[in-house]
Amino acid sequence: MYECNSEYGHQAVNDKEFEKRVRRLARHKGLKVRFEPHGKGSHGRLYYGERFTTLKDRKKEVGKGLYRAMCSQLGICPADL
């Protein structure tokens, strides 16, 4: 489990923007990121190092709860994005 001590300010993002931010963070930390189509339509898995999360519709906005859950699955503090 990761530790996130800072309070985050969720900004409205879609899955495509979330992926972009994760890639930027990964470059900074020297980790590999990849997206693998999985399931129906534009669904897929976003891998951040050894961890992954599922991206749904890459054009729709991600709500606060889902944003926090996706960050948690990747071991990222939401404030880092």
C-alpha atoms as a PDB file:
ATOM      1  CA  MET A   1       0.000   0.000   0.000  1.00  0.00           C
ATOM      2  CA  TYR A   2       1.176   3.505  -0.703  1.00  0.00           C
ATOM      3  CA  GLU A   3       1.207   6.468   1.654  1.00  0.00           C
ATOM      4  CA  CYS A   4      -0.337   9.716   0.572  1.00  0.00           C
ATOM      5  CA  ASN A   5      -0.229  12.390   3.227  1.00  0.00           C
ATOM      6  CA  SER A   6      -1.234  15.350   1.105  1.00  0.00           C
ATOM      7  CA  GLU A   7      -4.769  16.424   0.393  1.00  0.00           C
ATOM      8  CA  TYR A   8      -5.542  16.328  -3.306  1.00  0.00           C
ATOM      9  CA  GLY A   9      -7.580  18.642  -5.447  1.00  0.00           C
ATOM     10  CA  HIS A  10      -9.367  16.541  -8.047  1.00  0.00           C
ATOM     11  CA  GLN A  11      -9.516  18.238 -11.408  1.00  0.00           C
ATOM     12  CA  ALA A  12     -11.940  17.084 -14.069  1.00  0.00           C
ATOM     13  CA  VAL A  13     -10.037  14.702 -16.348  1.00  0.00           C
ATOM     14  CA  ASN A  14     -10.942  12.004 -18.811  1.00  0.00           C
ATOM     15  CA  ASP A  15      -9.126   8.667 -19.090  1.00  0.00           C
ATOM     16  CA  LYS A  16      -6.919   9.975 -21.900  1.00  0.00           C
ATOM     17  CA  GLU A  17      -5.742  12.897 -19.739  1.00  0.00           C
ATOM     18  CA  PHE A  18      -5.274  10.546 -16.757  1.00  0.00           C
ATOM     19  CA  GLU A  19      -3.037   8.328 -18.905  1.00  0.00           C
ATOM     20  CA  LYS A  20      -1.057  11.375 -20.049  1.00  0.00           C
ATOM     21  CA  ARG A  21      -0.456  12.451 -16.444  1.00  0.00           C
ATOM     22  CA  VAL A  22       0.561   8.936 -15.386  1.00  0.00           C
ATOM     23  CA  ARG A  23       3.034   8.759 -18.292  1.00  0.00           C
ATOM     24  CA  ARG A  24       4.550  12.101 -17.269  1.00  0.00           C
ATOM     25  CA  LEU A  25       4.959  10.899 -13.666  1.00  0.00           C
ATOM     26  CA  ALA A  26       6.446   7.593 -14.843  1.00  0.00           C
ATOM     27  CA  ARG A  27       9.047   9.391 -16.970  1.00  0.00           C
ATOM     28  CA  HIS A  28       9.995  11.457 -13.919  1.00  0.00           C
ATOM     29  CA  LYS A  29      10.315   8.312 -11.760  1.00  0.00           C
ATOM     30  CA  GLY A  30      11.945   6.125 -14.429  1.00  0.00           C
ATOM     31  CA  LEU A  31       9.064   3.623 -14.615  1.00  0.00           C
ATOM     32  CA  LYS A  32       7.540   1.967 -17.660  1.00  0.00           C
ATOM     33  CA  VAL A  33       3.928   2.620 -18.659  1.00  0.00           C
ATOM     34  CA  ARG A  34       1.926   0.752 -21.253  1.00  0.00           C
ATOM     35  CA  PHE A  35      -1.685   0.575 -22.354  1.00  0.00           C
ATOM     36  CA  GLU A  36      -3.107  -2.757 -23.488  1.00  0.00           C
ATOM     37  CA  PRO A  37      -6.552  -2.922 -25.084  1.00  0.00           C
ATOM     38  CA  HIS A  38      -8.682  -5.257 -23.005  1.00  0.00           C
ATOM     39  CA  GLY A  39     -12.331  -6.088 -23.267  1.00  0.00           C
ATOM     40  CA  LYS A  40     -14.958  -4.205 -25.158  1.00  0.00           C
ATOM     41  CA  GLY A  41     -14.617  -0.930 -27.060  1.00  0.00           C
ATOM     42  CA  SER A  42     -11.990   1.478 -25.772  1.00  0.00           C
ATOM     43  CA  HIS A  43     -11.497  -0.391 -22.479  1.00  0.00           C
ATOM     44  CA  GLY A  44      -7.969  -1.331 -21.588  1.00  0.00           C
ATOM     45  CA  ARG A  45      -5.414  -1.733 -18.871  1.00  0.00           C
ATOM     46  CA  LEU A  46      -2.920   0.939 -18.012  1.00  0.00           C
ATOM     47  CA  TYR A  47       0.221  -0.564 -16.502  1.00  0.00           C
ATOM     48  CA  TYR A  48       2.426   1.607 -14.294  1.00  0.00           C
ATOM     49  CA  GLY A  49       5.479  -0.447 -13.458  1.00  0.00           C
ATOM     50  CA  GLU A  50       4.052  -3.748 -12.152  1.00  0.00           C
ATOM     51  CA  ARG A  51       0.669  -2.307 -11.146  1.00  0.00           C
ATOM     52  CA  PHE A  52      -2.348  -1.678 -13.358  1.00  0.00           C
ATOM     53  CA  THR A  53      -5.768  -0.101 -13.491  1.00  0.00           C
ATOM     54  CA  THR A  54      -8.579  -0.387 -16.011  1.00  0.00           C
ATOM     55  CA  LEU A  55      -9.443   2.575 -18.209  1.00  0.00           C
ATOM     56  CA  LYS A  56     -13.016   2.647 -19.442  1.00  0.00           C
ATOM     57  CA  ASP A  57     -14.299   5.121 -21.996  1.00  0.00           C
ATOM     58  CA  ARG A  58     -11.269   7.283 -22.713  1.00  0.00           C
ATOM     59  CA  LYS A  59     -13.395  10.300 -23.645  1.00  0.00           C
ATOM     60  CA  LYS A  60     -15.655  10.524 -20.587  1.00  0.00           C
ATOM     61  CA  GLU A  61     -14.810  12.412 -17.425  1.00  0.00           C
ATOM     62  CA  VAL A  62     -13.529  10.437 -14.441  1.00  0.00           C
ATOM     63  CA  GLY A  63     -15.379  11.111 -11.165  1.00  0.00           C
ATOM     64  CA  LYS A  64     -13.603  11.823  -7.875  1.00  0.00           C
ATOM     65  CA  GLY A  65     -14.118   8.353  -6.412  1.00  0.00           C
ATOM     66  CA  LEU A  66     -12.946   6.539  -9.541  1.00  0.00           C
ATOM     67  CA  TYR A  67      -9.977   8.903  -9.882  1.00  0.00           C
ATOM     68  CA  ARG A  68      -8.910   8.133  -6.315  1.00  0.00           C
ATOM     69  CA  ALA A  69      -9.432   4.367  -6.850  1.00  0.00           C
ATOM     70  CA  MET A  70      -7.376   4.337 -10.060  1.00  0.00           C
ATOM     71  CA  CYS A  71      -4.546   6.208  -8.330  1.00  0.00           C
ATOM     72  CA  SER A  72      -4.710   3.765  -5.421  1.00  0.00           C
ATOM     73  CA  GLN A  73      -4.514   0.767  -7.774  1.00  0.00           C
ATOM     74  CA  LEU A  74      -1.383   2.259  -9.338  1.00  0.00           C
ATOM     75  CA  GLY A  75       0.139   3.223  -5.988  1.00  0.00           C
ATOM     76  CA  ILE A  76       0.110   6.918  -6.883  1.00  0.00           C
ATOM     77  CA  CYS A  77      -0.868   9.792  -4.625  1.00  0.00           C
ATOM     78  CA  PRO A  78      -3.547  11.765  -6.533  1.00  0.00           C
ATOM     79  CA  ALA A  79      -1.745  15.011  -5.648  1.00  0.00           C
ATOM     80  CA  ASP A  80       1.292  13.786  -7.639  1.00  0.00           C
ATOM     81  CA  LEU A  81      -0.684  13.937 -10.850  1.00  0.00           C
END
